[in-house]
Protein backbone atom coordinates (compact mmCIF):
# COMPACT_ATOMS: atom_id res chain seq x y z
CA MET A 1 20.62 11.34 12.34
CA ARG A 2 19.29 13.28 9.32
CA TYR A 3 21.63 13.16 6.34
CA ASP A 4 22.03 15.98 3.84
CA VAL A 5 19.66 15.53 0.87
CA THR A 6 22.58 15.61 -1.59
CA PHE A 7 24.31 12.79 0.27
CA THR A 8 21.09 10.74 0.41
CA ASN A 9 20.49 11.20 -3.31
CA GLY A 10 24.00 9.90 -3.96
CA VAL A 11 23.27 6.82 -1.85
CA ILE A 12 20.04 6.26 -3.77
CA LYS A 13 21.83 6.52 -7.12
CA SER A 14 24.32 3.88 -6.04
CA ARG A 15 21.58 1.54 -4.81
CA GLU A 16 19.28 1.88 -7.79
CA LYS A 17 21.55 -0.43 -9.74
CA ASP A 18 20.55 -3.23 -7.35
CA LEU A 19 16.89 -3.06 -8.37
CA LEU A 20 15.77 -6.26 -10.06
CA GLY A 21 14.57 -4.54 -13.24
CA GLY A 22 14.15 -7.02 -16.09
CA LYS A 23 14.94 -9.96 -13.83
CA ILE A 24 11.30 -9.94 -12.71
CA GLU A 25 10.27 -10.77 -16.29
CA LYS A 26 12.88 -13.53 -16.37
CA MET A 27 11.44 -14.93 -13.12
CA ALA A 28 7.96 -15.01 -14.68
CA GLU A 29 9.30 -17.28 -17.42
CA SER A 30 11.17 -19.58 -15.04
CA SER A 31 10.31 -22.47 -12.80
CA LEU A 32 9.55 -21.81 -9.14
CA ALA A 33 12.98 -23.04 -8.06
CA GLU A 34 14.73 -20.99 -10.77
CA ALA A 35 12.81 -17.87 -9.76
CA LEU A 36 13.92 -18.31 -6.14
CA ASP A 37 17.53 -18.69 -7.31
CA ILE A 38 17.27 -15.40 -9.25
CA LEU A 39 16.10 -13.60 -6.12
CA LYS A 40 18.85 -15.04 -3.95
CA GLU A 41 21.59 -14.49 -6.53
CA ASN A 42 20.65 -10.80 -6.67
CA GLY A 43 20.78 -10.34 -2.91
CA PHE A 44 17.01 -10.02 -2.51
CA GLY A 45 16.14 -10.36 1.16
CA GLY A 46 19.68 -9.52 2.24
CA GLY A 47 20.75 -13.12 2.69
CA ALA A 48 17.68 -14.29 4.61
CA GLU A 49 17.47 -18.08 4.72
CA CYS A 50 14.99 -19.61 2.28
CA ASP A 51 15.54 -23.01 0.70
CA ASN A 52 11.91 -23.88 -0.03
CA PRO A 53 10.62 -22.20 -3.22
CA SER A 54 7.02 -22.69 -2.07
CA SER A 55 7.65 -20.67 1.10
CA SER A 56 9.61 -17.54 0.20
CA GLU A 57 7.81 -15.16 2.58
CA GLU A 58 10.93 -14.79 4.72
CA LEU A 59 12.69 -13.15 1.78
CA PHE A 60 9.87 -10.68 1.27
CA ARG A 61 9.71 -9.85 4.98
CA ALA A 62 13.48 -9.29 5.10
CA GLU A 63 13.33 -7.03 2.04
CA GLU A 64 10.50 -5.01 3.59
CA GLU A 65 12.58 -4.61 6.76
CA SER A 66 15.47 -3.37 4.62
CA VAL A 67 13.33 -0.74 2.87
CA ASN A 68 11.91 0.47 6.18
CA ASP A 69 15.39 0.64 7.71
CA PHE A 70 16.43 2.80 4.76
CA ILE A 71 13.49 5.17 5.31
CA ARG A 72 14.25 5.57 9.02
CA GLU A 73 17.93 6.24 8.33
CA TYR A 74 17.80 8.46 5.26
CA SER A 75 14.52 10.42 5.37
CA SER A 76 15.41 14.10 5.62
CA ASP A 77 12.40 14.88 7.80
CA GLU A 78 10.15 13.05 10.24
CA LYS A 79 6.87 13.69 8.43
CA THR A 80 8.07 11.99 5.25
CA ALA A 81 9.31 9.01 7.25
CA ARG A 82 6.02 8.75 9.14
CA PHE A 83 4.03 8.91 5.89
CA LEU A 84 6.10 6.21 4.20
CA LEU A 85 5.97 3.92 7.25
CA ALA A 86 2.36 4.56 8.30
CA ASP A 87 0.89 1.41 6.78
CA TYR A 88 3.20 -0.77 8.85
CA ASP A 89 2.40 1.04 12.10
CA PHE A 90 -1.35 0.78 11.60
CA HIS A 91 -1.16 -2.80 10.33
CA ASN A 92 0.96 -3.92 13.28
CA ALA A 93 -1.25 -2.21 15.85
CA GLU A 94 -4.31 -3.89 14.32
CA ALA A 95 -2.48 -7.23 14.28
CA PHE A 96 -1.63 -7.00 17.99
CA LEU A 97 -5.25 -6.11 18.71
CA LYS A 98 -6.49 -9.14 16.76
CA SER A 99 -3.99 -11.32 18.59
CA LYS A 100 -5.19 -10.06 21.96
CA TYR A 101 -8.94 -10.34 21.35
CA PHE A 102 -9.28 -12.95 18.58
CA GLY A 103 -6.35 -15.18 19.51
CA ALA A 104 -4.66 -14.68 16.13
CA ASP A 105 -1.02 -15.79 15.88
CA GLU A 106 0.86 -12.48 15.96
CA ASN A 107 3.99 -14.08 14.52
CA ARG A 108 2.08 -14.80 11.33
CA ILE A 109 0.30 -11.48 10.91
CA VAL A 110 2.63 -8.79 12.32
CA GLY A 111 4.71 -7.09 9.62
CA ALA A 112 8.02 -5.27 9.49
CA ASP A 113 8.78 -2.45 11.94
CA GLY A 114 7.34 0.90 10.87
CA PHE A 115 8.18 4.26 12.39
CA ILE A 116 7.09 2.90 15.77
CA ALA A 117 8.82 -0.20 17.09
CA LYS A 118 6.63 -3.30 17.24
CA SER A 119 7.56 -3.79 20.88
CA GLU A 120 6.13 -0.34 21.72
CA LEU A 121 2.91 -1.08 19.84
CA LYS A 122 2.49 -4.45 21.53
CA GLU A 123 3.02 -2.94 24.97
CA ALA A 124 0.49 -0.18 24.29
CA VAL A 125 -2.14 -2.71 23.17
CA ASP A 126 -1.45 -5.19 25.97
CA LYS A 127 -1.50 -2.53 28.71
CA GLU A 128 -4.28 -0.47 27.08
CA ASN A 129 -2.13 2.63 27.47
CA TYR A 130 -2.00 4.50 24.17
CA SER A 131 -0.49 7.77 25.38
CA SER A 132 2.79 7.17 23.53
CA LEU A 133 1.05 6.62 20.17
CA PRO A 134 0.06 9.27 17.62
CA SER A 135 -3.46 10.49 18.40
CA THR A 136 -4.99 9.00 15.25
CA LEU A 137 -3.48 5.56 15.87
CA ALA A 138 -4.43 5.73 19.55
CA LYS A 139 -8.01 6.52 18.55
CA ALA A 140 -8.18 3.54 16.18
CA VAL A 141 -6.82 1.13 18.80
CA SER A 142 -8.99 2.42 21.65
CA GLU A 143 -12.12 2.46 19.49
CA CYS A 144 -11.58 -1.12 18.33
CA ALA A 145 -10.62 -2.35 21.80
CA GLU A 146 -13.91 -0.95 23.07
CA MET A 147 -15.79 -2.73 20.27
CA HIS A 148 -14.15 -6.00 21.28
CA LYS A 149 -15.10 -5.48 24.91
CA ASN A 150 -18.77 -4.70 24.23
CA GLY A 151 -19.13 -7.48 21.66
CA THR A 152 -19.76 -5.31 18.58
CA ALA A 153 -16.43 -5.95 16.86
CA ASN A 154 -16.21 -7.68 13.50
CA GLY A 155 -13.55 -7.76 10.82
CA PHE A 156 -15.20 -5.13 8.62
CA LYS A 157 -15.74 -2.61 11.43
CA VAL A 158 -12.21 -3.03 12.80
CA ASP A 159 -10.59 -2.72 9.38
CA CYS A 160 -12.66 0.38 8.57
CA ALA A 161 -11.83 2.05 11.89
CA PHE A 162 -8.10 1.57 11.33
CA LYS A 163 -8.32 2.65 7.69
CA ARG A 164 -10.21 5.86 8.54
CA GLN A 165 -7.61 6.90 11.10
CA LEU A 166 -4.75 5.86 8.81
CA PHE A 167 -5.88 8.39 6.20
CA PHE A 168 -6.19 11.15 8.81
CA TYR A 169 -2.62 10.31 9.85
CA LEU A 170 -1.37 10.28 6.25
CA LYS A 171 -2.96 13.69 5.66
CA GLU A 172 -1.18 15.07 8.74
CA ASN A 173 2.16 13.87 7.40
CA ALA A 174 1.82 14.44 3.64
CA LYS A 175 4.66 16.90 3.21
CA GLY A 176 5.30 18.14 -0.32
CA SER A 177 3.30 17.95 -3.54
CA ALA A 178 4.24 14.37 -4.43
CA LEU A 179 2.97 12.83 -1.19
CA LYS A 180 -0.14 15.03 -1.25
CA LYS A 181 -1.01 13.83 -4.76
CA ILE A 182 -0.27 10.22 -3.83
CA LEU A 183 -2.53 10.53 -0.78
CA GLU A 184 -5.36 12.14 -2.74
CA ASP A 185 -5.26 9.44 -5.39
CA ARG A 186 -4.99 6.63 -2.87
CA ALA A 187 -8.01 7.95 -0.93
CA ASP A 188 -10.08 8.27 -4.09
CA GLY A 189 -9.03 4.77 -5.14
CA ALA A 190 -10.02 3.31 -1.78
CA ASN A 191 -13.39 5.08 -1.88
CA VAL A 192 -14.19 4.01 -5.45
CA SER A 193 -13.36 0.42 -4.50
CA SER A 194 -15.68 0.67 -1.49
CA ALA A 195 -18.45 2.23 -3.58
CA LEU A 196 -18.38 -0.71 -5.97
CA ARG A 197 -18.08 -3.38 -3.30
CA CYS A 198 -20.20 -2.21 -0.35
CA SER A 199 -23.69 -3.68 -0.16
CA GLY A 200 -25.37 -0.52 1.13
CA GLU A 201 -24.93 3.17 1.88
CA ASP A 202 -24.32 2.52 5.60
CA ALA A 203 -21.43 0.19 4.79
CA LEU A 204 -20.01 2.73 2.35
CA LYS A 205 -20.21 5.43 5.00
CA GLU A 206 -18.33 3.14 7.39
CA ALA A 207 -15.62 2.48 4.80
CA PHE A 208 -15.26 6.08 3.53
CA VAL A 209 -11.85 7.70 4.06
CA THR A 210 -10.81 11.34 3.97
CA GLY A 211 -8.20 12.93 1.71
CA GLY A 212 -9.71 12.38 -1.74
CA LYS A 213 -11.55 14.70 -4.12
CA ILE A 214 -14.59 12.58 -4.99
CA PRO A 215 -17.37 13.54 -2.54
CA PHE A 216 -19.34 10.92 -0.63
CA GLU A 217 -22.57 11.80 -2.47
CA LYS A 218 -20.95 10.97 -5.82
CA LEU A 219 -19.72 7.65 -4.45
CA CYS A 220 -23.29 6.81 -3.42
CA GLU A 221 -24.39 7.52 -6.98
CA MET A 222 -21.61 5.30 -8.34
CA ARG A 223 -22.76 2.45 -6.13
CA LEU A 224 -26.24 2.61 -7.68
CA ALA A 225 -25.21 3.18 -11.32
CA SER A 226 -26.66 0.50 -13.57
CA ASP A 227 -24.70 1.12 -16.76
CA GLU A 228 -21.45 2.71 -17.88
CA GLU A 229 -23.13 5.90 -19.12
CA ASN A 230 -24.71 6.57 -15.72
CA PHE A 231 -21.45 5.73 -14.00
CA LYS A 232 -19.50 8.19 -16.14
CA ARG A 233 -22.06 10.86 -15.33
CA CYS A 234 -21.22 10.44 -11.63
CA LEU A 235 -17.62 11.37 -12.43
CA SER A 236 -18.33 14.26 -14.82
CA ASP A 237 -17.98 16.96 -12.14
CA ASN A 238 -14.64 15.60 -10.94
CA LYS A 239 -12.67 15.43 -14.16
CA ARG A 240 -9.02 16.27 -13.59
CA GLN A 241 -6.32 16.40 -16.21
CA PHE A 242 -2.77 15.24 -15.61
CA SER A 243 0.18 15.05 -17.95
CA THR A 244 0.33 12.22 -20.46
CA GLY A 245 1.35 8.96 -18.83
CA VAL A 246 -0.72 9.19 -15.65
CA ARG A 247 -4.12 7.50 -15.55
CA THR A 248 -6.65 9.65 -13.72
CA ILE A 249 -8.84 8.16 -11.02
CA GLU A 250 -11.81 8.76 -13.34
CA GLU A 251 -10.27 6.58 -16.04
CA ARG A 252 -9.44 3.89 -13.55
CA ALA A 253 -12.88 4.06 -11.96
CA GLU A 254 -14.41 3.25 -15.35
CA THR A 255 -12.12 0.22 -15.53
CA ALA A 256 -13.33 -0.85 -12.10
CA PHE A 257 -17.00 -0.43 -13.05
CA ASN A 258 -16.55 -2.53 -16.20
CA GLU A 259 -14.87 -5.24 -14.15
CA LYS A 260 -17.73 -5.16 -11.66
CA ILE A 261 -20.51 -5.50 -14.24
CA ALA A 262 -18.54 -8.35 -15.86
CA GLY A 263 -18.55 -10.14 -12.50
CA GLN A 264 -14.76 -9.95 -12.24
CA PRO A 265 -12.56 -8.96 -9.29
CA LEU A 266 -11.25 -5.40 -9.56
CA ARG A 267 -7.79 -6.68 -10.46
CA ALA A 268 -6.96 -4.23 -13.27
CA PHE A 269 -8.25 -1.30 -11.22
CA GLU A 270 -6.12 -2.30 -8.23
CA ARG A 271 -3.04 -2.75 -10.42
CA GLN A 272 -3.56 0.65 -12.07
CA THR A 273 -4.06 2.29 -8.67
CA ASP A 274 -0.85 0.73 -7.37
CA ASP A 275 0.91 2.08 -10.48
CA TYR A 276 -0.04 5.71 -9.80
CA PRO A 277 3.02 6.72 -7.69
CA ALA A 278 5.40 5.31 -10.31
CA GLU A 279 3.51 7.07 -13.12
CA LEU A 280 3.41 10.35 -11.21
CA LEU A 281 7.08 10.37 -10.25
CA ALA A 282 8.17 9.21 -13.71
CA LEU A 283 6.91 12.51 -15.15
CA THR A 284 9.64 14.44 -13.36
CA ARG A 285 12.12 11.65 -12.71
CA HIS A 286 15.09 13.74 -13.83
CA GLU A 287 13.88 16.86 -12.01
CA LEU A 288 13.02 15.40 -8.61
CA LYS A 289 13.70 17.70 -5.69
CA GLY A 290 13.80 17.52 -1.90
CA ALA A 291 12.55 14.18 -0.62
CA GLU A 292 11.16 13.10 -4.00
CA PRO A 293 14.15 10.92 -5.04
CA LEU A 294 13.82 9.00 -1.77
CA ILE A 295 10.05 8.70 -2.22
CA GLY A 296 10.51 7.41 -5.76
CA TYR A 297 13.16 4.91 -4.67
CA VAL A 298 11.00 3.61 -1.83
CA TYR A 299 7.96 3.11 -4.06
CA ALA A 300 10.15 1.41 -6.68
CA ARG A 301 11.55 -1.06 -4.17
CA ARG A 302 8.12 -1.78 -2.73
CA ALA A 303 6.74 -2.35 -6.23
CA GLU A 304 9.53 -4.86 -6.83
CA ILE A 305 8.75 -6.66 -3.58
CA LYS A 306 5.11 -6.88 -4.64
CA ASN A 307 6.12 -8.11 -8.09
CA ALA A 308 8.47 -10.74 -6.69
CA ARG A 309 5.72 -11.95 -4.37
CA ILE A 310 3.22 -12.04 -7.26
CA VAL A 311 5.60 -14.07 -9.41
CA MET A 312 6.34 -16.63 -6.69
CA VAL A 313 2.68 -17.03 -5.71
CA CYS A 314 1.56 -17.33 -9.33
CA LEU A 315 4.27 -19.81 -10.25
CA ASN A 316 3.32 -21.89 -7.23
CA ALA A 317 -0.30 -21.81 -8.44
CA GLY A 318 0.69 -22.95 -11.93
CA LEU A 319 -0.05 -19.73 -13.85
CA ASP A 320 1.80 -19.11 -17.12
CA SER A 321 4.09 -16.16 -17.83
CA LYS A 322 1.40 -14.17 -19.69
CA GLN A 323 -0.99 -14.41 -16.75
CA ILE A 324 1.80 -13.37 -14.39
CA ARG A 325 2.88 -10.36 -16.45
CA GLU A 326 -0.71 -9.09 -16.48
CA ARG A 327 -0.55 -8.84 -12.69
CA LEU A 328 2.80 -7.04 -12.37
CA ARG A 329 3.05 -3.46 -11.06
CA LYS A 330 5.04 -0.62 -12.59
CA VAL A 331 8.33 0.09 -10.89
CA ARG A 332 9.48 3.17 -12.80
């Protein structure tokens, strides 16, 4: 059933008050047990059982299921729902494939249901009949199954094959300006990350995804840049201006390059890239139209899930509140 947009927006307004908000900061300053209590007291995970603060994954999984249920029920059109649930469909299909050919424990690696039921994905992989799957997902599964059979499969090739087809699928389902901008930025972010991490041009070509604005040739130049000035020159033809409050991919790419030459993981770059949807939608938060309120709500809830997971993992590892706050994503 597709609800009227006005009705859905009213539901979203009523549910926004249940977002954790400042409680995430409070968790970061608490003990592991206290942080778990904060989550449970605020209904995080919908009452899923979790008594061990060191193992709170069940709460996160239950919360992800809740968000995905909301998308399936309240999305006003199928394309938006498919876009917002695509990562789960592709992840789960890849997980079932790894379980079948690598013997991985599917119970540990399969995620929440996406647009396609996990049972349907598992049956398609087990029976090698992909006719019921979207063509892009079917291509990823069949291509990787063939690699497994002929002995050429490895983790990098499989992950790249699924990622390439995921971005084709996202492009097919990016309805409206907000999702199109989110897709473009996400593709550019993924490609910049690959350019700075891949050991050679062949690996970069394997990892390249469609949908972004930075051409492959520029990414190859970025990979070889030896200093910040040369790196900036690679981006000079792609400068794009957005309203104040949104970091451009060019600005974030410079952050990534500086992290790379300092021998650091691209943590700040990844955090800033994750923040883009919140920054973009915050510009017009009070003027959102169509599916945009739902899109904003979904990204906010997913950012909170990520933040809650970050806090619990970091507390378990003994990090202090300052180190934890540096890792948190923007919600609004």
